[in-house]
Amino acid sequence: MKAYNFKMFHIIKLLFCMAAATLPNLNAQVNTSHTIEFSGCTWFVKSDFWGPGPNLWSDSQESVWVDEKGRLHLKIRKINGKWHCAEVYTTEFTTFGEHRFLIEGDIQHLDKNVVLGLFVYADDNHEIDIEFSKWGDYNPLDIGSFAVQPYTIEGNIDRFPVGLDSFRTTQIIDWQDKYILFNSFQGHMLELLPQPEYFLNHWIYWGDSNPDSLDNLRTHINFWLFRGESPVTITNLEIIITKVIQPLTTEVGQNENDKKVPEDFLLYQNYPNPFRSWTTINYELLKSANVTLSIYNSLGKKVRTLVNTFQES
């Protein structure tokens, strides 16, 4: 792998541009016959008694539904005197690529026992999470977290505070074979990343717990109760998912039949991104070749050529 560390003040654009806490072993991968259609794919709806928590889960239309605007609603509800949580997960397996979740909800003021999870999951040791929760504490410093399971391994979790000017946020898990790039920011964006002042947190994971694309992970979204404890307040018990863009849908730019594996090179997302003074660009040559790597500013003007030489694979 080649790495080029480039110090500059220009904002560049490269062409190559979930969470629930772990399920107990009793859960394995829950299957259900109840499905919904949302954001271009089919999702199972969890029901009965399972982890995380453990909790009771409801698949009723009052707990999980898609509205007339095509937005997914997940609601924590008391049914027959018992609290029920909500979770959906894709019927198809996901793979390497960007998983972008557009959220509507007051995630910085969740009840102390409520958890929002956005994640890709196969089992407790093959899981990538974005979570928002106070984890039973009334006034925690950090309620956001990026994690690769097992989170107990040093370097597998990054926690951060959340201060919002809007109920709309975008959460990103960019899962690649050699790294995982996490981004959390205010506002909704379908493709590009915003200016630095909109970011809540940015983290890149290079550790050994990164799952393989053959591990059969699915995309999950859940809204649940920490340790199965009842919420203290009965407000803010609903979350809305406006859209999910992920590799298993056809909304990421190409149909599956049109996708081709690069035969010559791989260019990875630069990090950090966005940046002010420096960024690192990684690329791989699958065979020896003449290499040119150039930087363009936001107006499409070439700023500098970093590499222009023959390089070995």
C-alpha atoms as a PDB file:
ATOM      1  CA  MET A   1       0.000   0.000   0.000  1.00  0.00           C
ATOM      2  CA  LYS A   2       1.211   3.459  -0.906  1.00  0.00           C
ATOM      3  CA  ALA A   3       0.479   6.359   1.411  1.00  0.00           C
ATOM      4  CA  TYR A   4       0.896  10.011   0.510  1.00  0.00           C
ATOM      5  CA  ASN A   5       0.700  12.602   3.269  1.00  0.00           C
ATOM      6  CA  PHE A   6      -0.051  15.959   1.650  1.00  0.00           C
ATOM      7  CA  LYS A   7       0.000  19.291   3.534  1.00  0.00           C
ATOM      8  CA  MET A   8      -2.287  21.858   1.955  1.00  0.00           C
ATOM      9  CA  PHE A   9      -5.131  24.261   2.650  1.00  0.00           C
ATOM     10  CA  HIS A  10      -7.265  23.456  -0.365  1.00  0.00           C
ATOM     11  CA  ILE A  11     -10.412  21.412   0.080  1.00  0.00           C
ATOM     12  CA  ILE A  12     -10.158  18.523  -2.342  1.00  0.00           C
ATOM     13  CA  LYS A  13     -12.650  16.183  -3.873  1.00  0.00           C
ATOM     14  CA  LEU A  14     -11.548  12.627  -4.665  1.00  0.00           C
ATOM     15  CA  LEU A  15     -13.382  10.649  -7.269  1.00  0.00           C
ATOM     16  CA  PHE A  16     -13.592   7.618  -5.012  1.00  0.00           C
ATOM     17  CA  CYS A  17     -15.395   8.966  -2.562  1.00  0.00           C
ATOM     18  CA  MET A  18     -24.444   0.388  12.647  1.00  0.00           C
ATOM     19  CA  ALA A  19     -25.365  -0.527  16.906  1.00  0.00           C
ATOM     20  CA  ALA A  20     -27.140  -1.826  18.631  1.00  0.00           C
ATOM     21  CA  ALA A  21     -25.157  -3.038  21.352  1.00  0.00           C
ATOM     22  CA  THR A  22     -24.358  -6.653  20.825  1.00  0.00           C
ATOM     23  CA  LEU A  23     -27.101  -9.228  20.871  1.00  0.00           C
ATOM     24  CA  PRO A  24     -26.830 -11.911  23.526  1.00  0.00           C
ATOM     25  CA  ASN A  25     -25.820 -15.351  22.355  1.00  0.00           C
ATOM     26  CA  LEU A  26     -29.437 -16.477  22.646  1.00  0.00           C
ATOM     27  CA  ASN A  27     -30.159 -14.204  19.716  1.00  0.00           C
ATOM     28  CA  ALA A  28     -27.829 -15.435  16.948  1.00  0.00           C
ATOM     29  CA  GLN A  29     -29.532 -13.882  13.879  1.00  0.00           C
ATOM     30  CA  VAL A  30     -33.251 -13.442  14.442  1.00  0.00           C
ATOM     31  CA  ASN A  31     -35.464 -14.182  11.462  1.00  0.00           C
ATOM     32  CA  THR A  32     -39.099 -13.227  11.061  1.00  0.00           C
ATOM     33  CA  SER A  33     -41.721 -13.540   8.355  1.00  0.00           C
ATOM     34  CA  HIS A  34     -42.824  -9.902   8.805  1.00  0.00           C
ATOM     35  CA  THR A  35     -41.071  -7.553   6.388  1.00  0.00           C
ATOM     36  CA  ILE A  36     -41.364  -3.944   5.244  1.00  0.00           C
ATOM     37  CA  GLU A  37     -40.133  -2.089   2.174  1.00  0.00           C
ATOM     38  CA  PHE A  38     -37.980   0.936   2.931  1.00  0.00           C
ATOM     39  CA  SER A  39     -35.291   2.916   1.123  1.00  0.00           C
ATOM     40  CA  GLY A  40     -35.014   0.577  -1.830  1.00  0.00           C
ATOM     41  CA  CYS A  41     -34.827  -2.784  -0.057  1.00  0.00           C
ATOM     42  CA  THR A  42     -36.699  -5.265   2.138  1.00  0.00           C
ATOM     43  CA  TRP A  43     -36.258  -5.326   5.929  1.00  0.00           C
ATOM     44  CA  PHE A  44     -37.187  -7.921   8.532  1.00  0.00           C
ATOM     45  CA  VAL A  45     -39.023  -6.560  11.593  1.00  0.00           C
ATOM     46  CA  LYS A  46     -37.964  -8.094  14.916  1.00  0.00           C
ATOM     47  CA  SER A  47     -40.552  -9.393  17.369  1.00  0.00           C
ATOM     48  CA  ASP A  48     -40.796 -11.328  20.663  1.00  0.00           C
ATOM     49  CA  PHE A  49     -38.096 -11.487  23.368  1.00  0.00           C
ATOM     50  CA  TRP A  50     -34.473 -10.992  22.284  1.00  0.00           C
ATOM     51  CA  GLY A  51     -31.343  -8.973  22.908  1.00  0.00           C
ATOM     52  CA  PRO A  52     -30.031  -6.392  23.160  1.00  0.00           C
ATOM     53  CA  GLY A  53     -31.276  -5.533  26.586  1.00  0.00           C
ATOM     54  CA  PRO A  54     -32.762  -8.113  26.574  1.00  0.00           C
ATOM     55  CA  ASN A  55     -36.076  -6.573  25.542  1.00  0.00           C
ATOM     56  CA  LEU A  56     -39.488  -7.328  24.158  1.00  0.00           C
ATOM     57  CA  TRP A  57     -39.772  -6.303  20.497  1.00  0.00           C
ATOM     58  CA  SER A  58     -42.882  -5.333  18.582  1.00  0.00           C
ATOM     59  CA  ASP A  59     -43.529  -5.725  14.865  1.00  0.00           C
ATOM     60  CA  SER A  60     -46.919  -3.996  14.984  1.00  0.00           C
ATOM     61  CA  GLN A  61     -47.678  -1.115  12.620  1.00  0.00           C
ATOM     62  CA  GLU A  62     -47.843   1.189  15.645  1.00  0.00           C
ATOM     63  CA  SER A  63     -44.215   0.361  16.489  1.00  0.00           C
ATOM     64  CA  VAL A  64     -42.603   0.089  13.037  1.00  0.00           C
ATOM     65  CA  TRP A  65     -44.046   1.726   9.933  1.00  0.00           C
ATOM     66  CA  VAL A  66     -43.190   3.623   6.758  1.00  0.00           C
ATOM     67  CA  ASP A  67     -45.121   6.864   6.282  1.00  0.00           C
ATOM     68  CA  GLU A  68     -46.489   8.460   3.105  1.00  0.00           C
ATOM     69  CA  LYS A  69     -43.154  10.253   2.586  1.00  0.00           C
ATOM     70  CA  GLY A  70     -41.274   6.942   2.596  1.00  0.00           C
ATOM     71  CA  ARG A  71     -39.668   7.544   6.026  1.00  0.00           C
ATOM     72  CA  LEU A  72     -39.188   4.722   8.514  1.00  0.00           C
ATOM     73  CA  HIS A  73     -40.561   5.228  12.053  1.00  0.00           C
ATOM     74  CA  LEU A  74     -39.330   3.218  15.049  1.00  0.00           C
ATOM     75  CA  LYS A  75     -41.172   3.681  18.340  1.00  0.00           C
ATOM     76  CA  ILE A  76     -40.701   2.379  21.888  1.00  0.00           C
ATOM     77  CA  ARG A  77     -44.206   1.603  23.212  1.00  0.00           C
ATOM     78  CA  LYS A  78     -45.889   0.169  26.277  1.00  0.00           C
ATOM     79  CA  ILE A  79     -48.119  -2.716  25.195  1.00  0.00           C
ATOM     80  CA  ASN A  80     -50.286  -4.486  27.773  1.00  0.00           C
ATOM     81  CA  GLY A  81     -48.247  -2.944  30.567  1.00  0.00           C
ATOM     82  CA  LYS A  82     -44.826  -3.941  29.148  1.00  0.00           C
ATOM     83  CA  TRP A  83     -42.341  -1.857  27.151  1.00  0.00           C
ATOM     84  CA  HIS A  84     -41.603  -3.028  23.615  1.00  0.00           C
ATOM     85  CA  CYS A  85     -38.726  -1.855  21.410  1.00  0.00           C
ATOM     86  CA  ALA A  86     -38.296  -1.708  17.625  1.00  0.00           C
ATOM     87  CA  GLU A  87     -35.683  -3.086  15.211  1.00  0.00           C
ATOM     88  CA  VAL A  88     -35.391  -3.729  11.487  1.00  0.00           C
ATOM     89  CA  TYR A  89     -32.632  -5.407   9.484  1.00  0.00           C
ATOM     90  CA  THR A  90     -32.116  -6.170   5.828  1.00  0.00           C
ATOM     91  CA  THR A  91     -33.144  -9.457   4.283  1.00  0.00           C
ATOM     92  CA  GLU A  92     -30.086  -9.187   2.025  1.00  0.00           C
ATOM     93  CA  PHE A  93     -26.491  -9.267   3.206  1.00  0.00           C
ATOM     94  CA  THR A  94     -24.471  -6.090   2.947  1.00  0.00           C
ATOM     95  CA  THR A  95     -20.838  -5.711   1.884  1.00  0.00           C
ATOM     96  CA  PHE A  96     -17.932  -3.270   1.732  1.00  0.00           C
ATOM     97  CA  GLY A  97     -18.950   0.285   0.981  1.00  0.00           C
ATOM     98  CA  GLU A  98     -20.599   3.324   2.488  1.00  0.00           C
ATOM     99  CA  HIS A  99     -23.659   2.924   4.727  1.00  0.00           C
ATOM    100  CA  ARG A 100     -25.293   6.341   5.094  1.00  0.00           C
ATOM    101  CA  PHE A 101     -28.213   6.865   7.508  1.00  0.00           C
ATOM    102  CA  LEU A 102     -30.293  10.072   7.418  1.00  0.00           C
ATOM    103  CA  ILE A 103     -31.897  10.529  10.842  1.00  0.00           C
ATOM    104  CA  GLU A 104     -34.650  12.784  12.179  1.00  0.00           C
ATOM    105  CA  GLY A 105     -34.837  12.917  15.966  1.00  0.00           C
ATOM    106  CA  ASP A 106     -33.588  14.632  19.102  1.00  0.00           C
ATOM    107  CA  ILE A 107     -30.715  12.214  19.726  1.00  0.00           C
ATOM    108  CA  GLN A 108     -28.956  14.502  22.203  1.00  0.00           C
ATOM    109  CA  HIS A 109     -31.946  14.431  24.571  1.00  0.00           C
ATOM    110  CA  LEU A 110     -32.761  10.723  24.595  1.00  0.00           C
ATOM    111  CA  ASP A 111     -34.088   9.225  27.821  1.00  0.00           C
ATOM    112  CA  LYS A 112     -31.239   7.879  29.938  1.00  0.00           C
ATOM    113  CA  ASN A 113     -32.245   4.281  29.159  1.00  0.00           C
ATOM    114  CA  VAL A 114     -32.941   4.670  25.429  1.00  0.00           C
ATOM    115  CA  VAL A 115     -30.455   3.586  22.743  1.00  0.00           C
ATOM    116  CA  LEU A 116     -30.442   4.318  19.011  1.00  0.00           C
ATOM    117  CA  GLY A 117     -28.328   1.847  17.074  1.00  0.00           C
ATOM    118  CA  LEU A 118     -27.204   1.978  13.429  1.00  0.00           C
ATOM    119  CA  PHE A 119     -24.987  -0.958  12.543  1.00  0.00           C
ATOM    120  CA  VAL A 120     -23.934  -3.842  10.351  1.00  0.00           C
ATOM    121  CA  TYR A 121     -24.009  -7.194  12.113  1.00  0.00           C
ATOM    122  CA  ALA A 122     -23.438 -10.922  11.758  1.00  0.00           C
ATOM    123  CA  ASP A 123     -22.698 -11.873  15.378  1.00  0.00           C
ATOM    124  CA  ASP A 124     -21.186 -10.333  18.499  1.00  0.00           C
ATOM    125  CA  ASN A 125     -17.657 -10.514  17.073  1.00  0.00           C
ATOM    126  CA  HIS A 126     -18.540  -9.312  13.571  1.00  0.00           C
ATOM    127  CA  GLU A 127     -20.276  -5.991  14.118  1.00  0.00           C
ATOM    128  CA  ILE A 128     -19.732  -2.297  13.328  1.00  0.00           C
ATOM    129  CA  ASP A 129     -21.775   0.227  15.332  1.00  0.00           C
ATOM    130  CA  ILE A 130     -22.870   3.818  15.570  1.00  0.00           C
ATOM    131  CA  GLU A 131     -24.827   4.319  18.798  1.00  0.00           C
ATOM    132  CA  PHE A 132     -26.390   7.191  20.706  1.00  0.00           C
ATOM    133  CA  SER A 133     -27.276   6.659  24.363  1.00  0.00           C
ATOM    134  CA  LYS A 134     -26.729   7.943  27.895  1.00  0.00           C
ATOM    135  CA  TRP A 135     -26.332   4.296  29.030  1.00  0.00           C
ATOM    136  CA  GLY A 136     -28.338   4.805  32.210  1.00  0.00           C
ATOM    137  CA  ASP A 137     -26.591   8.034  33.224  1.00  0.00           C
ATOM    138  CA  TYR A 138     -28.579  11.274  33.548  1.00  0.00           C
ATOM    139  CA  ASN A 139     -25.784  13.633  32.459  1.00  0.00           C
ATOM    140  CA  PRO A 140     -23.028  11.805  30.589  1.00  0.00           C
ATOM    141  CA  LEU A 141     -20.314  13.739  28.756  1.00  0.00           C
ATOM    142  CA  ASP A 142     -20.361  11.551  25.633  1.00  0.00           C
ATOM    143  CA  ILE A 143     -23.558  10.052  24.232  1.00  0.00           C
ATOM    144  CA  GLY A 144     -22.270   9.195  20.775  1.00  0.00           C
ATOM    145  CA  SER A 145     -20.015   6.243  20.007  1.00  0.00           C
ATOM    146  CA  PHE A 146     -18.356   4.553  17.045  1.00  0.00           C
ATOM    147  CA  ALA A 147     -17.412   0.950  17.769  1.00  0.00           C
ATOM    148  CA  VAL A 148     -16.082  -2.215  16.199  1.00  0.00           C
ATOM    149  CA  GLN A 149     -16.927  -5.289  18.243  1.00  0.00           C
ATOM    150  CA  PRO A 150     -15.720  -6.534  20.611  1.00  0.00           C
ATOM    151  CA  TYR A 151     -15.684  -2.949  21.932  1.00  0.00           C
ATOM    152  CA  THR A 152     -13.742  -4.088  25.028  1.00  0.00           C
ATOM    153  CA  ILE A 153     -10.567  -4.442  22.939  1.00  0.00           C
ATOM    154  CA  GLU A 154      -8.394  -1.352  23.309  1.00  0.00           C
ATOM    155  CA  GLY A 155      -8.804   0.985  20.350  1.00  0.00           C
ATOM    156  CA  ASN A 156     -12.130  -0.506  19.214  1.00  0.00           C
ATOM    157  CA  ILE A 157     -14.397   2.325  20.399  1.00  0.00           C
ATOM    158  CA  ASP A 158     -14.458   6.104  20.032  1.00  0.00           C
ATOM    159  CA  ARG A 159     -16.909   8.133  22.147  1.00  0.00           C
ATOM    160  CA  PHE A 160     -17.910  11.746  21.502  1.00  0.00           C
ATOM    161  CA  PRO A 161     -20.269  14.494  22.745  1.00  0.00           C
ATOM    162  CA  VAL A 162     -23.298  15.531  20.715  1.00  0.00           C
ATOM    163  CA  GLY A 163     -24.377  19.153  20.406  1.00  0.00           C
ATOM    164  CA  LEU A 164     -27.062  19.757  17.801  1.00  0.00           C
ATOM    165  CA  ASP A 165     -28.667  22.806  16.220  1.00  0.00           C
ATOM    166  CA  SER A 166     -31.078  20.594  14.279  1.00  0.00           C
ATOM    167  CA  PHE A 167     -32.930  17.293  14.707  1.00  0.00           C
ATOM    168  CA  ARG A 168     -31.557  16.163  11.330  1.00  0.00           C
ATOM    169  CA  THR A 169     -28.261  14.285  11.288  1.00  0.00           C
ATOM    170  CA  THR A 170     -26.347  12.043   8.903  1.00  0.00           C
ATOM    171  CA  GLN A 171     -24.411   9.026  10.189  1.00  0.00           C
ATOM    172  CA  ILE A 172     -21.924   7.153   8.009  1.00  0.00           C
ATOM    173  CA  ILE A 173     -20.169   3.792   8.269  1.00  0.00           C
ATOM    174  CA  ASP A 174     -17.772   3.477   5.323  1.00  0.00           C
ATOM    175  CA  TRP A 175     -16.748  -0.180   5.671  1.00  0.00           C
ATOM    176  CA  GLN A 176     -13.693  -1.172   3.632  1.00  0.00           C
ATOM    177  CA  ASP A 177     -11.496  -4.261   3.717  1.00  0.00           C
ATOM    178  CA  LYS A 178      -8.537  -2.492   5.360  1.00  0.00           C
ATOM    179  CA  TYR A 179     -10.258   0.227   7.391  1.00  0.00           C
ATOM    180  CA  ILE A 180     -13.611   1.591   8.592  1.00  0.00           C
ATOM    181  CA  LEU A 181     -14.346   5.301   8.280  1.00  0.00           C
ATOM    182  CA  PHE A 182     -17.012   6.749  10.600  1.00  0.00           C
ATOM    183  CA  ASN A 183     -18.623  10.174  10.196  1.00  0.00           C
ATOM    184  CA  SER A 184     -21.379  11.913  12.156  1.00  0.00           C
ATOM    185  CA  PHE A 185     -22.630  15.374  11.219  1.00  0.00           C
ATOM    186  CA  GLN A 186     -25.596  17.717  11.396  1.00  0.00           C
ATOM    187  CA  GLY A 187     -28.010  18.000   8.500  1.00  0.00           C
ATOM    188  CA  HIS A 188     -28.947  15.631   5.697  1.00  0.00           C
ATOM    189  CA  MET A 189     -26.616  15.035   2.769  1.00  0.00           C
ATOM    190  CA  LEU A 190     -27.102  12.249   0.234  1.00  0.00           C
ATOM    191  CA  GLU A 191     -23.643  12.239  -1.347  1.00  0.00           C
ATOM    192  CA  LEU A 192     -20.992  14.750  -0.334  1.00  0.00           C
ATOM    193  CA  LEU A 193     -19.653  15.676   3.092  1.00  0.00           C
ATOM    194  CA  PRO A 194     -20.368  19.082   4.679  1.00  0.00           C
ATOM    195  CA  GLN A 195     -18.048  21.812   5.876  1.00  0.00           C
ATOM    196  CA  PRO A 196     -16.059  21.009   9.074  1.00  0.00           C
ATOM    197  CA  GLU A 197     -18.317  23.053  11.370  1.00  0.00           C
ATOM    198  CA  TYR A 198     -21.185  20.612  10.760  1.00  0.00           C
ATOM    199  CA  PHE A 199     -19.253  17.575  11.962  1.00  0.00           C
ATOM    200  CA  LEU A 200     -20.024  15.925  15.299  1.00  0.00           C
ATOM    201  CA  ASN A 201     -17.242  13.367  15.021  1.00  0.00           C
ATOM    202  CA  HIS A 202     -14.910  11.655  12.546  1.00  0.00           C
ATOM    203  CA  TRP A 203     -12.933   8.458  13.203  1.00  0.00           C
ATOM    204  CA  ILE A 204     -11.017   5.929  11.131  1.00  0.00           C
ATOM    205  CA  TYR A 205     -10.434   2.382  12.392  1.00  0.00           C
ATOM    206  CA  TRP A 206      -7.431   0.330  11.243  1.00  0.00           C
ATOM    207  CA  GLY A 207      -7.646  -2.492  13.824  1.00  0.00           C
ATOM    208  CA  ASP A 208      -7.824  -6.270  13.509  1.00  0.00           C
ATOM    209  CA  SER A 209     -11.536  -6.619  14.386  1.00  0.00           C
ATOM    210  CA  ASN A 210     -12.739  -5.383  10.999  1.00  0.00           C
ATOM    211  CA  PRO A 211     -15.172  -8.019   9.656  1.00  0.00           C
ATOM    212  CA  ASP A 212     -14.689  -9.654   6.272  1.00  0.00           C
ATOM    213  CA  SER A 213     -17.197  -9.074   3.486  1.00  0.00           C
ATOM    214  CA  LEU A 214     -17.851 -12.850   3.460  1.00  0.00           C
ATOM    215  CA  ASP A 215     -19.012 -12.843   7.102  1.00  0.00           C
ATOM    216  CA  ASN A 216     -22.655 -12.318   6.058  1.00  0.00           C
ATOM    217  CA  LEU A 217     -23.400  -9.040   7.825  1.00  0.00           C
ATOM    218  CA  ARG A 218     -26.777  -7.334   7.511  1.00  0.00           C
ATOM    219  CA  THR A 219     -27.677  -3.695   8.025  1.00  0.00           C
ATOM    220  CA  HIS A 220     -29.635  -3.054  11.248  1.00  0.00           C
ATOM    221  CA  ILE A 221     -31.451  -0.101  12.832  1.00  0.00           C
ATOM    222  CA  ASN A 222     -32.869  -0.362  16.325  1.00  0.00           C
ATOM    223  CA  PHE A 223     -34.398   1.744  19.076  1.00  0.00           C
ATOM    224  CA  TRP A 224     -34.224  -0.017  22.426  1.00  0.00           C
ATOM    225  CA  LEU A 225     -33.884   0.088  26.205  1.00  0.00           C
ATOM    226  CA  PHE A 226     -30.533  -0.310  27.944  1.00  0.00           C
ATOM    227  CA  ARG A 227     -30.600  -3.460  30.115  1.00  0.00           C
ATOM    228  CA  GLY A 228     -34.323  -3.635  29.424  1.00  0.00           C
ATOM    229  CA  GLU A 229     -34.925  -0.809  31.927  1.00  0.00           C
ATOM    230  CA  SER A 230     -38.100   1.274  31.554  1.00  0.00           C
ATOM    231  CA  PRO A 231     -37.723   4.836  30.243  1.00  0.00           C
ATOM    232  CA  VAL A 232     -37.875   7.546  32.890  1.00  0.00           C
ATOM    233  CA  THR A 233     -39.764   9.948  30.605  1.00  0.00           C
ATOM    234  CA  ILE A 234     -42.416   9.080  28.041  1.00  0.00           C
ATOM    235  CA  THR A 235     -41.407  11.764  25.534  1.00  0.00           C
ATOM    236  CA  ASN A 236     -38.953  11.418  22.646  1.00  0.00           C
ATOM    237  CA  LEU A 237     -39.599   7.667  22.272  1.00  0.00           C
ATOM    238  CA  GLU A 238     -39.814   7.736  18.479  1.00  0.00           C
ATOM    239  CA  ILE A 239     -37.054   8.049  15.870  1.00  0.00           C
ATOM    240  CA  ILE A 240     -37.433   8.633  12.127  1.00  0.00           C
ATOM    241  CA  ILE A 241     -35.045   7.277   9.502  1.00  0.00           C
ATOM    242  CA  THR A 242     -35.470   9.401   6.386  1.00  0.00           C
ATOM    243  CA  LYS A 243     -33.274   7.286   4.135  1.00  0.00           C
ATOM    244  CA  VAL A 244     -30.578   4.628   4.127  1.00  0.00           C
ATOM    245  CA  ILE A 245     -28.054   4.383   1.288  1.00  0.00           C
ATOM    246  CA  GLN A 246     -25.990   1.197   1.331  1.00  0.00           C
ATOM    247  CA  PRO A 247     -24.155  -1.216  -0.999  1.00  0.00           C
ATOM    248  CA  LEU A 248     -27.036  -3.694  -1.213  1.00  0.00           C
ATOM    249  CA  THR A 249     -29.393  -1.125  -2.738  1.00  0.00           C
ATOM    250  CA  THR A 250     -29.387   0.198  -6.289  1.00  0.00           C
ATOM    251  CA  GLU A 251     -29.230   3.808  -5.040  1.00  0.00           C
ATOM    252  CA  VAL A 252     -25.470   4.094  -4.744  1.00  0.00           C
ATOM    253  CA  GLY A 253     -24.948   5.022  -8.371  1.00  0.00           C
ATOM    254  CA  GLN A 254     -24.745   1.759 -10.310  1.00  0.00           C
ATOM    255  CA  ASN A 255     -26.765  -1.360 -10.817  1.00  0.00           C
ATOM    256  CA  GLU A 256     -25.197  -4.523  -9.515  1.00  0.00           C
ATOM    257  CA  ASN A 257     -24.756  -5.823 -13.064  1.00  0.00           C
ATOM    258  CA  ASP A 258     -22.827  -2.702 -14.027  1.00  0.00           C
ATOM    259  CA  LYS A 259     -20.295  -2.869 -11.199  1.00  0.00           C
ATOM    260  CA  LYS A 260     -16.774  -3.908 -12.142  1.00  0.00           C
ATOM    261  CA  VAL A 261     -13.829  -4.789  -9.954  1.00  0.00           C
ATOM    262  CA  PRO A 262     -10.900  -2.480 -10.748  1.00  0.00           C
ATOM    263  CA  GLU A 263      -8.205  -4.325 -12.675  1.00  0.00           C
ATOM    264  CA  ASP A 264      -5.366  -1.820 -12.241  1.00  0.00           C
ATOM    265  CA  PHE A 265      -5.620   0.169  -9.006  1.00  0.00           C
ATOM    266  CA  LEU A 266      -7.646   0.985  -5.885  1.00  0.00           C
ATOM    267  CA  LEU A 267      -7.967   4.556  -4.584  1.00  0.00           C
ATOM    268  CA  TYR A 268      -9.253   4.896  -1.018  1.00  0.00           C
ATOM    269  CA  GLN A 269     -11.119   7.723   0.705  1.00  0.00           C
ATOM    270  CA  ASN A 270      -8.663  10.282   2.034  1.00  0.00           C
ATOM    271  CA  TYR A 271      -8.545  10.825   5.791  1.00  0.00           C
ATOM    272  CA  PRO A 272      -9.197  12.937   7.664  1.00  0.00           C
ATOM    273  CA  ASN A 273     -11.963  14.310   5.489  1.00  0.00           C
ATOM    274  CA  PRO A 274     -12.778  17.150   5.749  1.00  0.00           C
ATOM    275  CA  PHE A 275      -9.397  18.580   6.755  1.00  0.00           C
ATOM    276  CA  ARG A 276      -7.673  21.909   7.198  1.00  0.00           C
ATOM    277  CA  SER A 277      -3.925  21.488   6.836  1.00  0.00           C
ATOM    278  CA  TRP A 278      -3.176  17.879   5.847  1.00  0.00           C
ATOM    279  CA  THR A 279      -4.729  14.678   4.617  1.00  0.00           C
ATOM    280  CA  THR A 280      -3.502  11.151   3.814  1.00  0.00           C
ATOM    281  CA  ILE A 281      -4.323   9.426   0.529  1.00  0.00           C
ATOM    282  CA  ASN A 282      -3.919   5.641   0.288  1.00  0.00           C
ATOM    283  CA  TYR A 283      -3.918   3.712  -2.953  1.00  0.00           C
ATOM    284  CA  GLU A 284      -2.956   0.233  -4.180  1.00  0.00           C
ATOM    285  CA  LEU A 285      -1.506  -0.844  -7.502  1.00  0.00           C
ATOM    286  CA  LEU A 286      -2.693  -4.287  -8.543  1.00  0.00           C
ATOM    287  CA  LYS A 287       0.019  -4.310 -11.182  1.00  0.00           C
ATOM    288  CA  SER A 288       3.042  -2.138 -11.930  1.00  0.00           C
ATOM    289  CA  ALA A 289       2.210   0.977 -13.912  1.00  0.00           C
ATOM    290  CA  ASN A 290       2.871   4.641 -14.551  1.00  0.00           C
ATOM    291  CA  VAL A 291       1.063   6.516 -11.769  1.00  0.00           C
ATOM    292  CA  THR A 292      -0.227  10.082 -11.767  1.00  0.00           C
ATOM    293  CA  LEU A 293      -1.961  11.397  -8.648  1.00  0.00           C
ATOM    294  CA  SER A 294      -3.238  14.967  -8.875  1.00  0.00           C
ATOM    295  CA  ILE A 295      -5.206  17.232  -6.536  1.00  0.00           C
ATOM    296  CA  TYR A 296      -8.033  19.463  -7.742  1.00  0.00           C
ATOM    297  CA  ASN A 297      -9.815  22.183  -5.786  1.00  0.00           C
ATOM    298  CA  SER A 298     -13.590  22.519  -5.465  1.00  0.00           C
ATOM    299  CA  LEU A 299     -13.717  24.477  -8.757  1.00  0.00           C
ATOM    300  CA  GLY A 300     -12.085  21.641 -10.689  1.00  0.00           C
ATOM    301  CA  LYS A 301      -8.741  23.424 -11.090  1.00  0.00           C
ATOM    302  CA  LYS A 302      -5.609  21.312 -10.692  1.00  0.00           C
ATOM    303  CA  VAL A 303      -3.713  22.428  -7.597  1.00  0.00           C
ATOM    304  CA  ARG A 304      -0.756  20.093  -7.584  1.00  0.00           C
ATOM    305  CA  THR A 305       0.498  16.779  -8.953  1.00  0.00           C
ATOM    306  CA  LEU A 306       1.722  14.614  -6.076  1.00  0.00           C
ATOM    307  CA  VAL A 307       2.892  11.544  -7.971  1.00  0.00           C
ATOM    308  CA  ASN A 308       3.961  11.184 -11.623  1.00  0.00           C
ATOM    309  CA  THR A 309       6.239   8.200 -11.993  1.00  0.00           C
ATOM    310  CA  PHE A 310       6.440   4.447 -12.622  1.00  0.00           C
ATOM    311  CA  GLN A 311       5.680   2.365  -9.506  1.00  0.00           C
ATOM    312  CA  GLU A 312       5.789  -1.326  -8.725  1.00  0.00           C
ATOM    313  CA  SER A 313       2.614  -3.174  -7.699  1.00  0.00           C
END
